[in-house]
C-alpha atoms as a PDB file:
ATOM      1  CA  MET A   1     209.326  19.972 174.784  1.00  0.00           C
ATOM      2  CA  THR A   2     206.676  16.756 174.155  1.00  0.00           C
ATOM      3  CA  PRO A   3     203.232  17.068 175.838  1.00  0.00           C
ATOM      4  CA  LYS A   4     204.168  14.135 177.654  1.00  0.00           C
ATOM      5  CA  LEU A   5     207.809  15.690 179.059  1.00  0.00           C
ATOM      6  CA  LYS A   6     205.127  18.540 179.819  1.00  0.00           C
ATOM      7  CA  THR A   7     203.076  16.726 181.857  1.00  0.00           C
ATOM      8  CA  PHE A   8     205.861  14.913 183.862  1.00  0.00           C
ATOM      9  CA  LEU A   9     207.629  17.656 184.740  1.00  0.00           C
ATOM     10  CA  GLU A  10     204.595  19.236 185.963  1.00  0.00           C
ATOM     11  CA  ARG A  11     203.858  16.472 187.691  1.00  0.00           C
ATOM     12  CA  GLY A  12     207.045  15.591 189.547  1.00  0.00           C
ATOM     13  CA  PHE A  13     207.165  19.280 190.404  1.00  0.00           C
ATOM     14  CA  SER A  14     204.001  20.071 191.739  1.00  0.00           C
ATOM     15  CA  THR A  15     204.502  16.633 194.057  1.00  0.00           C
ATOM     16  CA  ILE A  16     208.251  17.650 195.152  1.00  0.00           C
ATOM     17  CA  VAL A  17     206.847  20.887 196.494  1.00  0.00           C
ATOM     18  CA  LEU A  18     204.227  19.677 198.798  1.00  0.00           C
ATOM     19  CA  LEU A  19     206.197  16.957 199.283  1.00  0.00           C
ATOM     20  CA  SER A  20     209.176  19.091 200.468  1.00  0.00           C
ATOM     21  CA  LEU A  21     206.454  21.398 202.405  1.00  0.00           C
ATOM     22  CA  LEU A  22     205.263  18.145 204.627  1.00  0.00           C
ATOM     23  CA  GLY A  23     209.050  17.309 204.786  1.00  0.00           C
ATOM     24  CA  GLY A  24     209.737  20.536 205.981  1.00  0.00           C
ATOM     25  CA  ALA A  25     206.707  20.642 208.609  1.00  0.00           C
ATOM     26  CA  VAL A  26     207.983  17.003 210.361  1.00  0.00           C
ATOM     27  CA  ALA A  27     211.501  18.135 209.727  1.00  0.00           C
ATOM     28  CA  TRP A  28     209.993  21.711 211.835  1.00  0.00           C
ATOM     29  CA  ASN A  29     210.026  18.621 214.786  1.00  0.00           C
ATOM     30  CA  ASN A  30     206.332  20.571 216.275  1.00  0.00           C
ATOM     31  CA  PRO A  31     203.084  18.612 215.315  1.00  0.00           C
ATOM     32  CA  ILE A  32     201.423  22.042 214.688  1.00  0.00           C
ATOM     33  CA  GLY A  33     203.048  22.315 211.325  1.00  0.00           C
ATOM     34  CA  TYR A  34     202.519  19.039 209.972  1.00  0.00           C
ATOM     35  CA  ALA A  35     199.305  18.636 211.841  1.00  0.00           C
ATOM     36  CA  VAL A  36     197.826  22.493 209.722  1.00  0.00           C
ATOM     37  CA  LEU A  37     199.100  20.510 206.577  1.00  0.00           C
ATOM     38  CA  VAL A  38     197.665  17.936 206.564  1.00  0.00           C
ATOM     39  CA  CYS A  39     194.386  19.771 207.498  1.00  0.00           C
ATOM     40  CA  LEU A  40     194.738  22.447 205.360  1.00  0.00           C
ATOM     41  CA  LEU A  41     194.998  19.539 202.370  1.00  0.00           C
ATOM     42  CA  CYS A  42     191.326  18.156 203.488  1.00  0.00           C
ATOM     43  CA  ASN A  43     189.638  21.571 203.622  1.00  0.00           C
ATOM     44  CA  LEU A  44     191.682  22.234 199.971  1.00  0.00           C
ATOM     45  CA  THR A  45     190.079  19.214 199.037  1.00  0.00           C
ATOM     46  CA  SER A  46     186.512  19.503 200.270  1.00  0.00           C
ATOM     47  CA  TRP A  47     186.425  22.731 198.761  1.00  0.00           C
ATOM     48  CA  GLU A  48     187.139  21.211 195.005  1.00  0.00           C
ATOM     49  CA  TRP A  49     183.991  18.255 196.613  1.00  0.00           C
ATOM     50  CA  PHE A  50     182.027  21.013 196.753  1.00  0.00           C
ATOM     51  CA  ASN A  51     182.202  22.122 193.119  1.00  0.00           C
ATOM     52  CA  MET A  52     182.372  19.097 192.031  1.00  0.00           C
ATOM     53  CA  LEU A  53     179.265  18.477 193.505  1.00  0.00           C
ATOM     54  CA  ARG A  54     177.115  20.619 192.227  1.00  0.00           C
ATOM     55  CA  GLY A  55     173.953  19.957 190.503  1.00  0.00           C
ATOM     56  CA  THR A  56     173.314  16.031 192.337  1.00  0.00           C
ATOM     57  CA  GLN A  57     171.298  15.545 194.779  1.00  0.00           C
ATOM     58  CA  ALA A  58     174.089  15.597 197.795  1.00  0.00           C
ATOM     59  CA  ASN A  59     174.166  17.746 200.306  1.00  0.00           C
ATOM     60  CA  ARG A  60     176.829  19.670 199.569  1.00  0.00           C
ATOM     61  CA  TRP A  61     177.054  22.297 202.629  1.00  0.00           C
ATOM     62  CA  LEU A  62     176.787  19.570 204.944  1.00  0.00           C
ATOM     63  CA  SER A  63     179.836  17.913 203.219  1.00  0.00           C
ATOM     64  CA  LEU A  64     182.001  21.015 203.264  1.00  0.00           C
ATOM     65  CA  VAL A  65     181.358  21.682 206.766  1.00  0.00           C
ATOM     66  CA  ALA A  66     182.284  18.533 208.358  1.00  0.00           C
ATOM     67  CA  GLY A  67     185.665  18.455 205.550  1.00  0.00           C
ATOM     68  CA  ILE A  68     186.662  21.678 206.752  1.00  0.00           C
ATOM     69  CA  VAL A  69     185.955  21.050 211.027  1.00  0.00           C
ATOM     70  CA  TYR A  70     187.123  17.522 210.959  1.00  0.00           C
ATOM     71  CA  PRO A  71     190.235  17.596 210.692  1.00  0.00           C
ATOM     72  CA  TRP A  72     191.176  20.428 213.026  1.00  0.00           C
ATOM     73  CA  LEU A  73     188.840  18.584 215.842  1.00  0.00           C
ATOM     74  CA  LEU A  74     190.590  15.366 215.159  1.00  0.00           C
ATOM     75  CA  ALA A  75     194.223  17.223 215.336  1.00  0.00           C
ATOM     76  CA  GLY A  76     193.291  19.077 218.445  1.00  0.00           C
ATOM     77  CA  ALA A  77     192.497  15.729 220.356  1.00  0.00           C
ATOM     78  CA  CYS A  78     195.547  14.399 218.951  1.00  0.00           C
ATOM     79  CA  MET A  79     197.797  16.591 220.277  1.00  0.00           C
ATOM     80  CA  LEU A  80     196.208  16.387 223.586  1.00  0.00           C
ATOM     81  CA  ASN A  81     198.342  13.687 224.607  1.00  0.00           C
ATOM     82  CA  ASP A  82     196.256  12.583 228.145  1.00  0.00           C
ATOM     83  CA  VAL A  83     193.323  11.678 226.039  1.00  0.00           C
ATOM     84  CA  SER A  84     194.209   8.979 223.838  1.00  0.00           C
ATOM     85  CA  LEU A  85     190.601   7.246 224.265  1.00  0.00           C
ATOM     86  CA  LEU A  86     189.685  10.272 222.653  1.00  0.00           C
ATOM     87  CA  SER A  87     191.584  11.056 219.447  1.00  0.00           C
ATOM     88  CA  GLU A  88     191.053   6.926 219.048  1.00  0.00           C
ATOM     89  CA  MET A  89     187.197   7.403 219.244  1.00  0.00           C
ATOM     90  CA  LEU A  90     186.563  10.258 217.805  1.00  0.00           C
ATOM     91  CA  PRO A  91     187.146   9.171 213.598  1.00  0.00           C
ATOM     92  CA  LEU A  92     184.446   6.618 214.340  1.00  0.00           C
ATOM     93  CA  ALA A  93     181.938   8.593 216.534  1.00  0.00           C
ATOM     94  CA  PHE A  94     182.767  11.561 213.816  1.00  0.00           C
ATOM     95  CA  LEU A  95     181.394   9.247 210.682  1.00  0.00           C
ATOM     96  CA  VAL A  96     178.658   7.776 212.690  1.00  0.00           C
ATOM     97  CA  LEU A  97     177.091  11.110 213.486  1.00  0.00           C
ATOM     98  CA  TYR A  98     177.823  12.790 210.277  1.00  0.00           C
ATOM     99  CA  THR A  99     175.847   9.307 208.395  1.00  0.00           C
ATOM    100  CA  VAL A 100     172.848  10.148 210.896  1.00  0.00           C
ATOM    101  CA  VAL A 101     173.259  14.142 209.862  1.00  0.00           C
ATOM    102  CA  ALA A 102     173.062  13.204 206.378  1.00  0.00           C
ATOM    103  CA  PHE A 103     169.966  10.339 206.341  1.00  0.00           C
ATOM    104  CA  CYS A 104     168.311  12.958 208.219  1.00  0.00           C
ATOM    105  CA  GLY A 105     168.876  16.162 205.715  1.00  0.00           C
ATOM    106  CA  GLN A 106     168.108  13.342 203.016  1.00  0.00           C
ATOM    107  CA  LEU A 107     164.920  12.020 204.663  1.00  0.00           C
ATOM    108  CA  PHE A 108     163.696  15.986 204.846  1.00  0.00           C
ATOM    109  CA  ARG A 109     164.095  16.571 201.320  1.00  0.00           C
ATOM    110  CA  MET A 110     162.486  13.382 200.061  1.00  0.00           C
ATOM    111  CA  ASP A 111     159.499  14.013 201.618  1.00  0.00           C
ATOM    112  CA  TYR A 112     159.151  18.041 201.484  1.00  0.00           C
ATOM    113  CA  ARG A 113     160.648  18.843 198.231  1.00  0.00           C
ATOM    114  CA  GLY A 114     158.754  15.938 196.219  1.00  0.00           C
ATOM    115  CA  LYS A 115     162.110  14.233 194.984  1.00  0.00           C
ATOM    116  CA  SER A 116     162.063  10.181 194.590  1.00  0.00           C
ATOM    117  CA  GLY A 117     163.677   7.495 196.474  1.00  0.00           C
ATOM    118  CA  ALA A 118     165.867   6.982 194.029  1.00  0.00           C
ATOM    119  CA  GLU A 119     167.440  10.514 193.616  1.00  0.00           C
ATOM    120  CA  MET A 120     167.864  10.975 197.445  1.00  0.00           C
ATOM    121  CA  LEU A 121     169.762   7.866 197.755  1.00  0.00           C
ATOM    122  CA  ASP A 122     172.123   8.413 194.946  1.00  0.00           C
ATOM    123  CA  GLY A 123     172.534  11.732 196.812  1.00  0.00           C
ATOM    124  CA  MET A 124     173.210   9.903 200.261  1.00  0.00           C
ATOM    125  CA  GLY A 125     175.764   7.984 198.898  1.00  0.00           C
ATOM    126  CA  ALA A 126     177.876  11.324 197.071  1.00  0.00           C
ATOM    127  CA  THR A 127     176.856  13.351 200.485  1.00  0.00           C
ATOM    128  CA  LEU A 128     178.466   9.674 202.349  1.00  0.00           C
ATOM    129  CA  LEU A 129     181.372   9.563 200.031  1.00  0.00           C
ATOM    130  CA  SER A 130     182.455  13.338 199.536  1.00  0.00           C
ATOM    131  CA  PHE A 131     183.488  13.436 203.284  1.00  0.00           C
ATOM    132  CA  ILE A 132     184.776  10.039 203.991  1.00  0.00           C
ATOM    133  CA  TYR A 133     186.745   9.515 200.263  1.00  0.00           C
ATOM    134  CA  PRO A 134     189.373  11.277 200.775  1.00  0.00           C
ATOM    135  CA  VAL A 135     189.518  13.522 203.947  1.00  0.00           C
ATOM    136  CA  TRP A 136     188.651  11.452 206.592  1.00  0.00           C
ATOM    137  CA  MET A 137     190.432   8.330 205.850  1.00  0.00           C
ATOM    138  CA  PHE A 138     193.222  11.025 204.773  1.00  0.00           C
ATOM    139  CA  SER A 139     192.868  12.152 208.123  1.00  0.00           C
ATOM    140  CA  PHE A 140     194.358   9.033 209.523  1.00  0.00           C
ATOM    141  CA  ALA A 141     197.699  10.839 209.089  1.00  0.00           C
ATOM    142  CA  LEU A 142     196.934  12.686 212.449  1.00  0.00           C
ATOM    143  CA  LEU A 143     196.965  10.054 214.384  1.00  0.00           C
ATOM    144  CA  TYR A 144     200.605   9.630 215.220  1.00  0.00           C
ATOM    145  CA  LEU A 145     201.266  13.650 216.165  1.00  0.00           C
ATOM    146  CA  GLY A 146     202.041  12.802 219.770  1.00  0.00           C
ATOM    147  CA  ASP A 147     205.195  10.551 218.023  1.00  0.00           C
ATOM    148  CA  GLN A 148     207.368  11.683 215.934  1.00  0.00           C
ATOM    149  CA  LYS A 149     208.904   8.205 214.884  1.00  0.00           C
ATOM    150  CA  GLY A 150     205.332   8.339 213.786  1.00  0.00           C
ATOM    151  CA  VAL A 151     205.061  10.909 212.032  1.00  0.00           C
ATOM    152  CA  TRP A 152     208.359  10.112 209.958  1.00  0.00           C
ATOM    153  CA  VAL A 153     206.056   6.807 209.065  1.00  0.00           C
ATOM    154  CA  MET A 154     203.353   9.001 207.725  1.00  0.00           C
ATOM    155  CA  LEU A 155     205.919  10.377 205.560  1.00  0.00           C
ATOM    156  CA  TRP A 156     207.406   7.531 204.302  1.00  0.00           C
ATOM    157  CA  LEU A 157     204.125   6.014 203.290  1.00  0.00           C
ATOM    158  CA  ILE A 158     203.393   9.605 201.712  1.00  0.00           C
ATOM    159  CA  LEU A 159     206.190   9.111 199.413  1.00  0.00           C
ATOM    160  CA  PHE A 160     205.858   5.396 198.540  1.00  0.00           C
ATOM    161  CA  THR A 161     202.737   6.080 197.184  1.00  0.00           C
ATOM    162  CA  LYS A 162     203.149   9.130 194.864  1.00  0.00           C
ATOM    163  CA  MET A 163     206.129   7.166 193.985  1.00  0.00           C
ATOM    164  CA  SER A 164     204.044   4.742 192.933  1.00  0.00           C
ATOM    165  CA  ASP A 165     202.504   7.059 190.678  1.00  0.00           C
ATOM    166  CA  ILE A 166     205.168   8.978 189.404  1.00  0.00           C
ATOM    167  CA  TRP A 167     206.865   5.923 188.222  1.00  0.00           C
ATOM    168  CA  ALA A 168     203.796   3.564 186.981  1.00  0.00           C
ATOM    169  CA  TYR A 169     203.655   7.537 184.837  1.00  0.00           C
ATOM    170  CA  VAL A 170     207.017   7.254 183.468  1.00  0.00           C
ATOM    171  CA  SER A 171     207.575   3.681 183.231  1.00  0.00           C
ATOM    172  CA  GLY A 172     203.996   3.505 180.654  1.00  0.00           C
ATOM    173  CA  VAL A 173     204.955   6.687 178.855  1.00  0.00           C
ATOM    174  CA  LEU A 174     208.440   4.334 178.441  1.00  0.00           C
ATOM    175  CA  LEU A 175     207.523   1.777 177.577  1.00  0.00           C
ATOM    176  CA  GLY A 176     203.889   1.103 177.871  1.00  0.00           C
ATOM    177  CA  GLY A 177     201.914  -0.912 175.389  1.00  0.00           C
ATOM    178  CA  LYS A 178     205.017  -2.464 173.860  1.00  0.00           C
ATOM    179  CA  PHE A 179     204.979  -5.795 175.457  1.00  0.00           C
ATOM    180  CA  ILE A 180     201.469  -6.487 176.862  1.00  0.00           C
ATOM    181  CA  SER A 181     198.680  -4.291 174.818  1.00  0.00           C
ATOM    182  CA  ARG A 182     195.687  -5.228 176.964  1.00  0.00           C
ATOM    183  CA  LYS A 183     195.553  -1.441 179.048  1.00  0.00           C
ATOM    184  CA  PHE A 184     195.421  -2.652 182.946  1.00  0.00           C
ATOM    185  CA  SER A 185     191.989  -0.677 183.851  1.00  0.00           C
ATOM    186  CA  PRO A 186     190.778   0.376 180.509  1.00  0.00           C
ATOM    187  CA  CYS A 187     187.335   1.286 181.728  1.00  0.00           C
ATOM    188  CA  VAL A 188     188.503   3.650 184.869  1.00  0.00           C
ATOM    189  CA  SER A 189     191.842   5.034 183.628  1.00  0.00           C
ATOM    190  CA  PRO A 190     192.522   3.702 179.866  1.00  0.00           C
ATOM    191  CA  LYS A 191     196.338   5.289 180.092  1.00  0.00           C
ATOM    192  CA  LYS A 192     197.067   2.788 182.571  1.00  0.00           C
ATOM    193  CA  THR A 193     199.397  -0.282 181.214  1.00  0.00           C
ATOM    194  CA  TRP A 194     201.072  -2.966 182.488  1.00  0.00           C
ATOM    195  CA  GLU A 195     204.760  -1.983 181.644  1.00  0.00           C
ATOM    196  CA  GLY A 196     204.054   1.561 184.180  1.00  0.00           C
ATOM    197  CA  ILE A 197     202.810  -0.837 186.905  1.00  0.00           C
ATOM    198  CA  ILE A 198     205.440  -4.197 186.578  1.00  0.00           C
ATOM    199  CA  GLY A 199     207.798  -1.018 186.200  1.00  0.00           C
ATOM    200  CA  SER A 200     206.205   1.087 189.201  1.00  0.00           C
ATOM    201  CA  ILE A 201     206.604  -1.797 191.337  1.00  0.00           C
ATOM    202  CA  ILE A 202     210.123  -2.555 190.928  1.00  0.00           C
ATOM    203  CA  ILE A 203     211.692   1.145 190.842  1.00  0.00           C
ATOM    204  CA  THR A 204     209.157   2.072 193.905  1.00  0.00           C
ATOM    205  CA  LEU A 205     209.929  -0.950 196.262  1.00  0.00           C
ATOM    206  CA  THR A 206     213.623  -0.119 195.555  1.00  0.00           C
ATOM    207  CA  VAL A 207     213.752   3.099 196.603  1.00  0.00           C
ATOM    208  CA  GLY A 208     211.437   2.545 199.093  1.00  0.00           C
ATOM    209  CA  ALA A 209     213.695   0.436 201.470  1.00  0.00           C
ATOM    210  CA  LEU A 210     216.348   2.650 200.304  1.00  0.00           C
ATOM    211  CA  LEU A 211     214.188   5.515 201.869  1.00  0.00           C
ATOM    212  CA  LEU A 212     214.167   3.477 205.484  1.00  0.00           C
ATOM    213  CA  PRO A 213     217.152   3.882 206.563  1.00  0.00           C
ATOM    214  CA  ALA A 214     217.413   6.747 204.950  1.00  0.00           C
ATOM    215  CA  MET A 215     214.852   8.741 207.294  1.00  0.00           C
ATOM    216  CA  ASP A 216     215.882   6.605 210.065  1.00  0.00           C
ATOM    217  CA  LEU A 217     213.023   4.312 210.427  1.00  0.00           C
ATOM    218  CA  TYR A 218     215.457   0.623 209.789  1.00  0.00           C
ATOM    219  CA  ASP A 219     219.317  -0.308 210.742  1.00  0.00           C
ATOM    220  CA  LYS A 220     221.064   0.120 207.342  1.00  0.00           C
ATOM    221  CA  GLY A 221     222.906  -2.575 208.007  1.00  0.00           C
ATOM    222  CA  GLN A 222     219.885  -5.525 208.188  1.00  0.00           C
ATOM    223  CA  MET A 223     218.723  -4.532 204.981  1.00  0.00           C
ATOM    224  CA  LEU A 224     219.381  -7.257 203.309  1.00  0.00           C
ATOM    225  CA  SER A 225     218.418 -10.258 206.136  1.00  0.00           C
ATOM    226  CA  ARG A 226     215.733 -12.752 205.274  1.00  0.00           C
ATOM    227  CA  ASP A 227     213.480 -10.919 207.921  1.00  0.00           C
ATOM    228  CA  PHE A 228     213.032  -7.675 206.526  1.00  0.00           C
ATOM    229  CA  MET A 229     212.901  -9.348 202.519  1.00  0.00           C
ATOM    230  CA  LEU A 230     209.866 -11.592 204.367  1.00  0.00           C
ATOM    231  CA  CYS A 231     208.435  -8.641 205.875  1.00  0.00           C
ATOM    232  CA  TYR A 232     209.078  -5.692 203.345  1.00  0.00           C
ATOM    233  CA  ILE A 233     208.214  -7.198 199.994  1.00  0.00           C
ATOM    234  CA  PRO A 234     204.624  -8.369 200.531  1.00  0.00           C
ATOM    235  CA  PHE A 235     203.843  -4.963 202.685  1.00  0.00           C
ATOM    236  CA  GLY A 236     205.587  -3.373 199.877  1.00  0.00           C
ATOM    237  CA  LEU A 237     202.868  -4.936 197.399  1.00  0.00           C
ATOM    238  CA  LEU A 238     200.453  -4.455 199.456  1.00  0.00           C
ATOM    239  CA  LEU A 239     201.477  -0.384 199.800  1.00  0.00           C
ATOM    240  CA  PHE A 240     201.633  -0.448 196.087  1.00  0.00           C
ATOM    241  CA  PHE A 241     198.501  -1.638 194.747  1.00  0.00           C
ATOM    242  CA  LEU A 242     196.672  -0.251 197.634  1.00  0.00           C
ATOM    243  CA  SER A 243     198.117   3.113 196.055  1.00  0.00           C
ATOM    244  CA  VAL A 244     196.900   2.128 192.679  1.00  0.00           C
ATOM    245  CA  TRP A 245     193.211   1.271 193.710  1.00  0.00           C
ATOM    246  CA  GLY A 246     192.977   4.260 195.652  1.00  0.00           C
ATOM    247  CA  ASP A 247     194.607   6.101 192.542  1.00  0.00           C
ATOM    248  CA  LEU A 248     191.809   4.562 190.495  1.00  0.00           C
ATOM    249  CA  ALA A 249     188.896   4.831 192.969  1.00  0.00           C
ATOM    250  CA  GLY A 250     189.663   8.367 192.185  1.00  0.00           C
ATOM    251  CA  SER A 251     189.158   8.389 189.047  1.00  0.00           C
ATOM    252  CA  LEU A 252     185.635   6.748 188.415  1.00  0.00           C
ATOM    253  CA  ILE A 253     184.482   9.782 190.746  1.00  0.00           C
ATOM    254  CA  LYS A 254     185.395  12.144 188.670  1.00  0.00           C
ATOM    255  CA  ARG A 255     184.368  10.079 185.443  1.00  0.00           C
ATOM    256  CA  GLY A 256     181.148   9.797 187.613  1.00  0.00           C
ATOM    257  CA  LEU A 257     180.553  12.994 188.222  1.00  0.00           C
ATOM    258  CA  ALA A 258     181.969  14.374 184.678  1.00  0.00           C
ATOM    259  CA  VAL A 259     184.633  16.255 185.715  1.00  0.00           C
ATOM    260  CA  LYS A 260     188.244  16.374 184.160  1.00  0.00           C
ATOM    261  CA  ASP A 261     190.341  17.272 187.745  1.00  0.00           C
ATOM    262  CA  SER A 262     189.314  17.755 190.844  1.00  0.00           C
ATOM    263  CA  GLY A 263     190.707  21.413 190.011  1.00  0.00           C
ATOM    264  CA  SER A 264     193.842  23.367 188.738  1.00  0.00           C
ATOM    265  CA  LEU A 265     195.983  24.171 191.675  1.00  0.00           C
ATOM    266  CA  LEU A 266     198.814  21.820 190.810  1.00  0.00           C
ATOM    267  CA  PRO A 267     199.779  21.689 187.267  1.00  0.00           C
ATOM    268  CA  GLY A 268     199.839  18.293 185.757  1.00  0.00           C
ATOM    269  CA  ILE A 269     198.483  16.646 188.772  1.00  0.00           C
ATOM    270  CA  GLY A 270     195.207  18.620 189.056  1.00  0.00           C
ATOM    271  CA  GLY A 271     193.354  19.825 192.449  1.00  0.00           C
ATOM    272  CA  ILE A 272     194.347  18.740 196.000  1.00  0.00           C
ATOM    273  CA  PHE A 273     191.673  15.679 195.969  1.00  0.00           C
ATOM    274  CA  ASP A 274     194.346  14.313 193.059  1.00  0.00           C
ATOM    275  CA  LEU A 275     197.563  14.597 195.293  1.00  0.00           C
ATOM    276  CA  ILE A 276     195.886  13.148 198.325  1.00  0.00           C
ATOM    277  CA  ASP A 277     193.632  10.275 196.753  1.00  0.00           C
ATOM    278  CA  SER A 278     195.764   7.722 196.805  1.00  0.00           C
ATOM    279  CA  PRO A 279     197.219   8.028 199.994  1.00  0.00           C
ATOM    280  CA  ALA A 280     193.982   7.852 201.533  1.00  0.00           C
ATOM    281  CA  PHE A 281     193.671   4.336 200.488  1.00  0.00           C
ATOM    282  CA  THR A 282     197.399   3.715 202.192  1.00  0.00           C
ATOM    283  CA  VAL A 283     197.727   5.679 205.264  1.00  0.00           C
ATOM    284  CA  SER A 284     194.140   4.986 206.496  1.00  0.00           C
ATOM    285  CA  THR A 285     194.797   1.418 205.145  1.00  0.00           C
ATOM    286  CA  ILE A 286     198.051   1.039 206.811  1.00  0.00           C
ATOM    287  CA  VAL A 287     197.011   2.897 210.598  1.00  0.00           C
ATOM    288  CA  CYS A 288     193.600   0.643 210.744  1.00  0.00           C
ATOM    289  CA  ILE A 289     196.268  -3.127 210.156  1.00  0.00           C
ATOM    290  CA  ALA A 290     199.608  -1.228 211.907  1.00  0.00           C
ATOM    291  CA  PRO A 291     198.639  -3.667 215.442  1.00  0.00           C
ATOM    292  CA  LEU A 292     198.229  -7.018 213.037  1.00  0.00           C
ATOM    293  CA  LEU A 293     201.379  -5.822 211.249  1.00  0.00           C
ATOM    294  CA  GLY A 294     203.370  -6.018 214.016  1.00  0.00           C
ATOM    295  CA  GLN A 295     201.712  -8.937 216.002  1.00  0.00           C
ATOM    296  CA  ILE A 296     203.569 -10.608 212.448  1.00  0.00           C
ATOM    297  CA  GLN A 297     206.481  -9.316 212.593  1.00  0.00           C
ATOM    298  CA  ARG A 298     207.001 -10.735 216.682  1.00  0.00           C
ATOM    299  CA  LEU A 299     205.793 -13.875 215.896  1.00  0.00           C
ATOM    300  CA  MET A 300     208.365 -14.234 212.424  1.00  0.00           C
ATOM    301  CA  ILE A 301     211.109 -13.067 214.829  1.00  0.00           C
ATOM    302  CA  LEU A 302     210.049 -15.651 217.068  1.00  0.00           C
END
């Protein structure tokens, strides 16, 4: 077995296992299972960040505590369907509070431990980033706990995102460098090729569309309609490139911290951080712009 095939099989197996867990939690038809799984993924990612930040000026403990507490707090608020305002305001309120506490901690260390302003600024940036990405962003997947269809939409988003990673790898292995010599992102991720990206766009958008009726999210009879194509293709391309940028963001962080993988829990992938880095981009962005997308769709229909 070649190293590339071995890596592909390991990645595929790890992704299928974890997505099966997520799908099982949703199929259980109980928001508790889905919430627990999302929270545990965030918690494990916070622990990986805690380890990656060794030797930096970041406040590792603040990041770890926030990353453990926040997802469970948000899940609890979202399950109180009669207090929707709490669940809507909590992400912003918690982030503001976290930023204030993080600044206070860094200022204290600068005044009383003789640290320079440059050191503290670097530490502050790492402290904020280690909570925001991907834990705070991925936790947006919890905002639909009270809506079963909304949970299935979140699952579809995650499936679409992880498919883009897998098919980019497959297309890159089979066709990478044969037609376009320039790499897609030579500095951040030198193994990504344009052939991999293009191949993945075609396959991911096709399979993603087929999953919509299979998951009861769209009427199969309208799949080839003009209205569907006008909405799905631009949306699919946006989602695809959000996935790519999320993956590159994870690679950038690991390069900056001089680590190869965030962890070793998942063969061929690395850690949980490597699993939810790209879904953090897609889930949070789509949740935030969902009202705008709905308004655009209504205008197009009219």
